[in-house]
Amino acid sequence: MSVVLHDYWRSSASYRVRIALSLKDVAYERRDVSLIDNEQRAPAHLARNPQGFVPTLEIDGHVLTQSLAIIDYLDATRPEPPLAPRDPAARAAVLAQALLIAADIHPINNLRVLRYLKNELGQEQAAIDDWYRHWMREGFVALEAMAAGAGTYLGGDAPNLADICLVPQMYNARRLELPLEAFPTLVRLDAAAAALPAFAAAHPDAVKGG
């Protein structure tokens, strides 16, 4: 049974799942859902994902949504390489780092929030960009402190769920021109993970238009 990923090339959540699929060496077919063209609200997509979000993964006879839930499923069904520790305390630490990005930074900088700021609240683009950078900077200050003493990756000797969340967020930081001088540890960890083939294959530029 084929694996199908419904995603958008520049979606952070989709980027996370592409990285996880690559790390797990799972072959899949990409089907682009253009957020710019509102294809996520099309009836066919809403039937797969009632939230009208990306990514959506069809795998093993299941239709899965929410990037961290998808990655958790992949880790449970395809345990090598592991993306989260089995030790409860270590696992909690990794989840805290991942959720700082996926639950605290990302949702309030999501496209639908930015569109609401612009269309319903009438904010200028410069103010919207400042909003985006503010919340990202605030999260990165905390994550930089949490990453003190990290090894080659946030995950230590091998990348894990925290790295899977970090790399797409660093991509967003550079795209929105957030100064990164205050976050040398995050810059180092991002560079190490992004250089790995599985991360490079999932990069937005590698899949755009694919």
C-alpha atoms as a PDB file:
ATOM      1  CA  MET A   1       0.000   0.000   0.000  1.00  0.00           C
ATOM      2  CA  SER A   2       1.491   3.340  -1.031  1.00  0.00           C
ATOM      3  CA  VAL A   3       2.160   6.162   1.398  1.00  0.00           C
ATOM      4  CA  VAL A   4       0.727   9.536   0.384  1.00  0.00           C
ATOM      5  CA  LEU A   5       1.627  12.859   1.984  1.00  0.00           C
ATOM      6  CA  HIS A   6      -0.693  15.789   1.368  1.00  0.00           C
ATOM      7  CA  ASP A   7       1.382  18.853   2.155  1.00  0.00           C
ATOM      8  CA  TYR A   8       2.506  22.313   1.133  1.00  0.00           C
ATOM      9  CA  TRP A   9       6.137  22.881   0.292  1.00  0.00           C
ATOM     10  CA  ARG A  10       6.654  25.812   2.691  1.00  0.00           C
ATOM     11  CA  SER A  11       4.503  24.543   5.570  1.00  0.00           C
ATOM     12  CA  SER A  12       6.591  24.064   8.720  1.00  0.00           C
ATOM     13  CA  ALA A  13       4.411  21.208   9.920  1.00  0.00           C
ATOM     14  CA  SER A  14       4.713  19.477   6.558  1.00  0.00           C
ATOM     15  CA  TYR A  15       8.474  20.036   6.576  1.00  0.00           C
ATOM     16  CA  ARG A  16       8.651  18.210   9.933  1.00  0.00           C
ATOM     17  CA  VAL A  17       6.827  15.181   8.568  1.00  0.00           C
ATOM     18  CA  ARG A  18       8.967  15.084   5.422  1.00  0.00           C
ATOM     19  CA  ILE A  19      12.069  14.999   7.630  1.00  0.00           C
ATOM     20  CA  ALA A  20      10.641  12.185   9.752  1.00  0.00           C
ATOM     21  CA  LEU A  21       9.667  10.147   6.696  1.00  0.00           C
ATOM     22  CA  SER A  22      13.163  10.599   5.290  1.00  0.00           C
ATOM     23  CA  LEU A  23      14.837   9.638   8.567  1.00  0.00           C
ATOM     24  CA  LYS A  24      12.663   6.516   8.731  1.00  0.00           C
ATOM     25  CA  ASP A  25      13.441   5.778   5.063  1.00  0.00           C
ATOM     26  CA  VAL A  26       9.732   5.643   4.179  1.00  0.00           C
ATOM     27  CA  ALA A  27       9.051   6.147   0.483  1.00  0.00           C
ATOM     28  CA  TYR A  28       6.041   8.336  -0.175  1.00  0.00           C
ATOM     29  CA  GLU A  29       4.162  10.246  -2.831  1.00  0.00           C
ATOM     30  CA  ARG A  30       3.731  13.999  -2.330  1.00  0.00           C
ATOM     31  CA  ARG A  31       0.466  15.672  -3.273  1.00  0.00           C
ATOM     32  CA  ASP A  32       0.655  19.415  -3.046  1.00  0.00           C
ATOM     33  CA  VAL A  33      -2.095  21.323  -1.241  1.00  0.00           C
ATOM     34  CA  SER A  34      -1.596  25.016  -1.992  1.00  0.00           C
ATOM     35  CA  LEU A  35      -2.294  27.081   1.095  1.00  0.00           C
ATOM     36  CA  ILE A  36      -1.927  30.262  -0.930  1.00  0.00           C
ATOM     37  CA  ASP A  37      -4.753  29.123  -3.218  1.00  0.00           C
ATOM     38  CA  ASN A  38      -6.850  27.881  -0.250  1.00  0.00           C
ATOM     39  CA  GLU A  39      -6.834  24.294  -1.530  1.00  0.00           C
ATOM     40  CA  GLN A  40      -6.815  23.189   2.102  1.00  0.00           C
ATOM     41  CA  ARG A  41     -10.470  24.273   2.273  1.00  0.00           C
ATOM     42  CA  ALA A  42     -11.533  22.195  -0.728  1.00  0.00           C
ATOM     43  CA  PRO A  43     -14.159  19.530   0.065  1.00  0.00           C
ATOM     44  CA  ALA A  44     -11.830  16.678  -0.898  1.00  0.00           C
ATOM     45  CA  HIS A  45      -9.164  17.868   1.506  1.00  0.00           C
ATOM     46  CA  LEU A  46     -11.620  18.599   4.310  1.00  0.00           C
ATOM     47  CA  ALA A  47     -12.849  15.025   3.979  1.00  0.00           C
ATOM     48  CA  ARG A  48      -9.304  13.889   4.768  1.00  0.00           C
ATOM     49  CA  ASN A  49      -8.526  16.564   7.328  1.00  0.00           C
ATOM     50  CA  PRO A  50     -11.541  18.283   8.927  1.00  0.00           C
ATOM     51  CA  GLN A  51      -9.334  21.100  10.229  1.00  0.00           C
ATOM     52  CA  GLY A  52      -8.340  22.013   6.704  1.00  0.00           C
ATOM     53  CA  PHE A  53      -4.652  21.860   7.613  1.00  0.00           C
ATOM     54  CA  VAL A  54      -1.540  20.233   6.224  1.00  0.00           C
ATOM     55  CA  PRO A  55       0.041  17.780   6.517  1.00  0.00           C
ATOM     56  CA  THR A  56      -2.205  14.757   6.111  1.00  0.00           C
ATOM     57  CA  LEU A  57      -0.553  11.359   5.769  1.00  0.00           C
ATOM     58  CA  GLU A  58      -2.171   8.255   4.285  1.00  0.00           C
ATOM     59  CA  ILE A  59      -0.264   5.248   5.589  1.00  0.00           C
ATOM     60  CA  ASP A  60      -0.986   1.647   6.606  1.00  0.00           C
ATOM     61  CA  GLY A  61      -4.673   2.120   5.843  1.00  0.00           C
ATOM     62  CA  HIS A  62      -4.898   5.162   8.124  1.00  0.00           C
ATOM     63  CA  VAL A  63      -5.379   8.869   7.447  1.00  0.00           C
ATOM     64  CA  LEU A  64      -3.336  10.814   9.984  1.00  0.00           C
ATOM     65  CA  THR A  65      -3.251  14.527  10.789  1.00  0.00           C
ATOM     66  CA  GLN A  66      -1.200  16.853  13.005  1.00  0.00           C
ATOM     67  CA  SER A  67       2.542  16.693  12.432  1.00  0.00           C
ATOM     68  CA  LEU A  68       3.603  15.564  15.907  1.00  0.00           C
ATOM     69  CA  ALA A  69       0.889  12.898  15.990  1.00  0.00           C
ATOM     70  CA  ILE A  70       2.064  11.655  12.591  1.00  0.00           C
ATOM     71  CA  ILE A  71       5.682  11.556  13.742  1.00  0.00           C
ATOM     72  CA  ASP A  72       4.662   9.722  16.913  1.00  0.00           C
ATOM     73  CA  TYR A  73       2.895   7.113  14.773  1.00  0.00           C
ATOM     74  CA  LEU A  74       5.958   6.716  12.570  1.00  0.00           C
ATOM     75  CA  ASP A  75       8.155   6.283  15.624  1.00  0.00           C
ATOM     76  CA  ALA A  76       5.805   3.672  17.097  1.00  0.00           C
ATOM     77  CA  THR A  77       5.450   1.642  13.908  1.00  0.00           C
ATOM     78  CA  ARG A  78       8.943   2.097  12.503  1.00  0.00           C
ATOM     79  CA  PRO A  79      11.177   2.329  15.577  1.00  0.00           C
ATOM     80  CA  GLU A  80      14.523   2.813  13.836  1.00  0.00           C
ATOM     81  CA  PRO A  81      16.024   5.297  14.140  1.00  0.00           C
ATOM     82  CA  PRO A  82      14.209   6.403  17.317  1.00  0.00           C
ATOM     83  CA  LEU A  83      12.978   9.989  17.310  1.00  0.00           C
ATOM     84  CA  ALA A  84      12.240  10.234  21.037  1.00  0.00           C
ATOM     85  CA  PRO A  85      13.886   8.599  24.033  1.00  0.00           C
ATOM     86  CA  ARG A  86      12.152   5.757  25.844  1.00  0.00           C
ATOM     87  CA  ASP A  87      13.288   7.008  29.249  1.00  0.00           C
ATOM     88  CA  PRO A  88      10.355   9.049  30.639  1.00  0.00           C
ATOM     89  CA  ALA A  89      12.398  12.014  31.883  1.00  0.00           C
ATOM     90  CA  ALA A  90      14.504  12.243  28.718  1.00  0.00           C
ATOM     91  CA  ARG A  91      11.373  11.908  26.607  1.00  0.00           C
ATOM     92  CA  ALA A  92       9.698  14.728  28.522  1.00  0.00           C
ATOM     93  CA  ALA A  93      12.719  16.964  27.905  1.00  0.00           C
ATOM     94  CA  VAL A  94      12.630  16.312  24.159  1.00  0.00           C
ATOM     95  CA  LEU A  95       8.886  16.893  24.007  1.00  0.00           C
ATOM     96  CA  ALA A  96       9.297  20.168  25.891  1.00  0.00           C
ATOM     97  CA  GLN A  97      11.744  21.412  23.262  1.00  0.00           C
ATOM     98  CA  ALA A  98       9.618  20.212  20.372  1.00  0.00           C
ATOM     99  CA  LEU A  99       6.396  21.632  21.788  1.00  0.00           C
ATOM    100  CA  LEU A 100       8.015  24.988  22.501  1.00  0.00           C
ATOM    101  CA  ILE A 101       8.210  25.293  18.731  1.00  0.00           C
ATOM    102  CA  ALA A 102       5.206  23.289  17.543  1.00  0.00           C
ATOM    103  CA  ALA A 103       2.731  24.443  20.199  1.00  0.00           C
ATOM    104  CA  ASP A 104       3.977  27.889  21.240  1.00  0.00           C
ATOM    105  CA  ILE A 105       5.818  29.573  18.343  1.00  0.00           C
ATOM    106  CA  HIS A 106       4.270  28.014  15.271  1.00  0.00           C
ATOM    107  CA  PRO A 107       0.486  28.281  15.872  1.00  0.00           C
ATOM    108  CA  ILE A 108       0.413  32.050  16.417  1.00  0.00           C
ATOM    109  CA  ASN A 109       2.580  32.587  13.343  1.00  0.00           C
ATOM    110  CA  ASN A 110       0.510  30.268  11.159  1.00  0.00           C
ATOM    111  CA  LEU A 111      -0.780  31.532   7.814  1.00  0.00           C
ATOM    112  CA  ARG A 112      -4.394  31.655   8.991  1.00  0.00           C
ATOM    113  CA  VAL A 113      -3.401  33.867  11.949  1.00  0.00           C
ATOM    114  CA  LEU A 114      -1.344  36.158   9.728  1.00  0.00           C
ATOM    115  CA  ARG A 115      -4.246  36.429   7.299  1.00  0.00           C
ATOM    116  CA  TYR A 116      -6.600  37.329  10.154  1.00  0.00           C
ATOM    117  CA  LEU A 117      -4.238  40.049  11.324  1.00  0.00           C
ATOM    118  CA  LYS A 118      -4.180  41.479   7.813  1.00  0.00           C
ATOM    119  CA  ASN A 119      -7.718  40.971   6.554  1.00  0.00           C
ATOM    120  CA  GLU A 120      -9.927  41.187   9.638  1.00  0.00           C
ATOM    121  CA  LEU A 121      -7.796  43.416  11.862  1.00  0.00           C
ATOM    122  CA  GLY A 122      -6.378  45.576   9.076  1.00  0.00           C
ATOM    123  CA  GLN A 123      -2.734  45.371  10.108  1.00  0.00           C
ATOM    124  CA  GLU A 124       0.006  46.514   7.751  1.00  0.00           C
ATOM    125  CA  GLN A 125       2.479  43.924   6.487  1.00  0.00           C
ATOM    126  CA  ALA A 126       5.336  45.511   8.459  1.00  0.00           C
ATOM    127  CA  ALA A 127       3.379  45.093  11.695  1.00  0.00           C
ATOM    128  CA  ILE A 128       2.518  41.505  10.819  1.00  0.00           C
ATOM    129  CA  ASP A 129       6.181  40.718  10.168  1.00  0.00           C
ATOM    130  CA  ASP A 130       7.076  42.279  13.526  1.00  0.00           C
ATOM    131  CA  TRP A 131       4.443  40.070  15.191  1.00  0.00           C
ATOM    132  CA  TYR A 132       5.969  37.003  13.556  1.00  0.00           C
ATOM    133  CA  ARG A 133       9.496  37.884  14.611  1.00  0.00           C
ATOM    134  CA  HIS A 134       8.465  38.824  18.165  1.00  0.00           C
ATOM    135  CA  TRP A 135       6.969  35.433  19.008  1.00  0.00           C
ATOM    136  CA  MET A 136       9.750  33.557  17.284  1.00  0.00           C
ATOM    137  CA  ARG A 137      12.407  35.567  19.145  1.00  0.00           C
ATOM    138  CA  GLU A 138      10.682  34.979  22.475  1.00  0.00           C
ATOM    139  CA  GLY A 139      10.581  31.229  21.888  1.00  0.00           C
ATOM    140  CA  PHE A 140      14.169  31.102  20.696  1.00  0.00           C
ATOM    141  CA  VAL A 141      15.405  32.863  23.853  1.00  0.00           C
ATOM    142  CA  ALA A 142      13.956  30.031  25.926  1.00  0.00           C
ATOM    143  CA  LEU A 143      15.089  27.297  23.543  1.00  0.00           C
ATOM    144  CA  GLU A 144      18.646  28.650  23.443  1.00  0.00           C
ATOM    145  CA  ALA A 145      18.779  28.270  27.213  1.00  0.00           C
ATOM    146  CA  MET A 146      17.236  24.803  27.076  1.00  0.00           C
ATOM    147  CA  ALA A 147      19.795  23.745  24.465  1.00  0.00           C
ATOM    148  CA  ALA A 148      22.801  24.625  26.610  1.00  0.00           C
ATOM    149  CA  GLY A 149      25.132  21.651  26.748  1.00  0.00           C
ATOM    150  CA  ALA A 150      23.606  19.995  23.674  1.00  0.00           C
ATOM    151  CA  GLY A 151      25.767  17.643  21.649  1.00  0.00           C
ATOM    152  CA  THR A 152      26.063  17.620  17.884  1.00  0.00           C
ATOM    153  CA  TYR A 153      22.272  17.845  17.666  1.00  0.00           C
ATOM    154  CA  LEU A 154      19.505  18.791  20.055  1.00  0.00           C
ATOM    155  CA  GLY A 155      19.033  15.034  20.263  1.00  0.00           C
ATOM    156  CA  GLY A 156      22.663  14.525  21.272  1.00  0.00           C
ATOM    157  CA  ASP A 157      24.654  12.209  19.013  1.00  0.00           C
ATOM    158  CA  ALA A 158      21.723  11.752  16.632  1.00  0.00           C
ATOM    159  CA  PRO A 159      18.853  14.052  15.625  1.00  0.00           C
ATOM    160  CA  ASN A 160      15.469  13.545  17.222  1.00  0.00           C
ATOM    161  CA  LEU A 161      12.029  15.123  17.392  1.00  0.00           C
ATOM    162  CA  ALA A 162      13.398  18.389  18.750  1.00  0.00           C
ATOM    163  CA  ASP A 163      15.734  18.746  15.752  1.00  0.00           C
ATOM    164  CA  ILE A 164      12.849  17.900  13.418  1.00  0.00           C
ATOM    165  CA  CYS A 165      10.974  20.883  14.843  1.00  0.00           C
ATOM    166  CA  LEU A 166      13.993  23.195  15.060  1.00  0.00           C
ATOM    167  CA  VAL A 167      15.156  23.056  11.448  1.00  0.00           C
ATOM    168  CA  PRO A 168      11.869  24.193   9.840  1.00  0.00           C
ATOM    169  CA  GLN A 169      11.552  26.976  12.414  1.00  0.00           C
ATOM    170  CA  MET A 170      15.070  28.194  11.654  1.00  0.00           C
ATOM    171  CA  TYR A 171      14.129  28.195   7.975  1.00  0.00           C
ATOM    172  CA  ASN A 172      11.215  30.481   8.869  1.00  0.00           C
ATOM    173  CA  ALA A 173      13.475  32.684  10.974  1.00  0.00           C
ATOM    174  CA  ARG A 174      15.780  33.314   8.051  1.00  0.00           C
ATOM    175  CA  ARG A 175      12.902  33.821   5.640  1.00  0.00           C
ATOM    176  CA  LEU A 176      11.453  36.510   7.939  1.00  0.00           C
ATOM    177  CA  GLU A 177      14.920  37.980   8.546  1.00  0.00           C
ATOM    178  CA  LEU A 178      15.039  37.401  12.296  1.00  0.00           C
ATOM    179  CA  PRO A 179      18.542  38.244  13.553  1.00  0.00           C
ATOM    180  CA  LEU A 180      20.092  35.068  14.931  1.00  0.00           C
ATOM    181  CA  GLU A 181      23.268  36.378  16.576  1.00  0.00           C
ATOM    182  CA  ALA A 182      21.737  35.893  20.030  1.00  0.00           C
ATOM    183  CA  PHE A 183      21.166  32.196  19.356  1.00  0.00           C
ATOM    184  CA  PRO A 184      24.572  30.664  18.540  1.00  0.00           C
ATOM    185  CA  THR A 185      23.676  27.241  19.914  1.00  0.00           C
ATOM    186  CA  LEU A 186      20.521  27.019  17.825  1.00  0.00           C
ATOM    187  CA  VAL A 187      22.437  28.145  14.735  1.00  0.00           C
ATOM    188  CA  ARG A 188      25.052  25.435  15.331  1.00  0.00           C
ATOM    189  CA  LEU A 189      22.502  22.694  15.946  1.00  0.00           C
ATOM    190  CA  ASP A 190      20.436  23.716  12.934  1.00  0.00           C
ATOM    191  CA  ALA A 191      23.485  23.642  10.650  1.00  0.00           C
ATOM    192  CA  ALA A 192      24.453  20.161  11.833  1.00  0.00           C
ATOM    193  CA  ALA A 193      20.979  18.695  11.315  1.00  0.00           C
ATOM    194  CA  ALA A 194      20.237  20.539   8.066  1.00  0.00           C
ATOM    195  CA  ALA A 195      23.395  19.082   6.511  1.00  0.00           C
ATOM    196  CA  LEU A 196      22.123  15.515   6.922  1.00  0.00           C
ATOM    197  CA  PRO A 197      20.710  13.955   3.726  1.00  0.00           C
ATOM    198  CA  ALA A 198      17.302  13.230   5.291  1.00  0.00           C
ATOM    199  CA  PHE A 199      16.895  16.868   6.299  1.00  0.00           C
ATOM    200  CA  ALA A 200      18.211  18.194   2.990  1.00  0.00           C
ATOM    201  CA  ALA A 201      15.785  16.008   1.011  1.00  0.00           C
ATOM    202  CA  ALA A 202      12.873  17.475   2.983  1.00  0.00           C
ATOM    203  CA  HIS A 203      13.890  21.124   2.529  1.00  0.00           C
ATOM    204  CA  PRO A 204      11.213  23.311   0.899  1.00  0.00           C
ATOM    205  CA  ASP A 205      13.509  24.154  -2.010  1.00  0.00           C
ATOM    206  CA  ALA A 206      14.006  20.441  -2.675  1.00  0.00           C
ATOM    207  CA  VAL A 207      10.286  19.702  -2.957  1.00  0.00           C
ATOM    208  CA  LYS A 208       8.845  22.943  -4.343  1.00  0.00           C
ATOM    209  CA  GLY A 209       6.806  22.141  -7.400  1.00  0.00           C
ATOM    210  CA  GLY A 210       7.393  18.435  -6.916  1.00  0.00           C
END
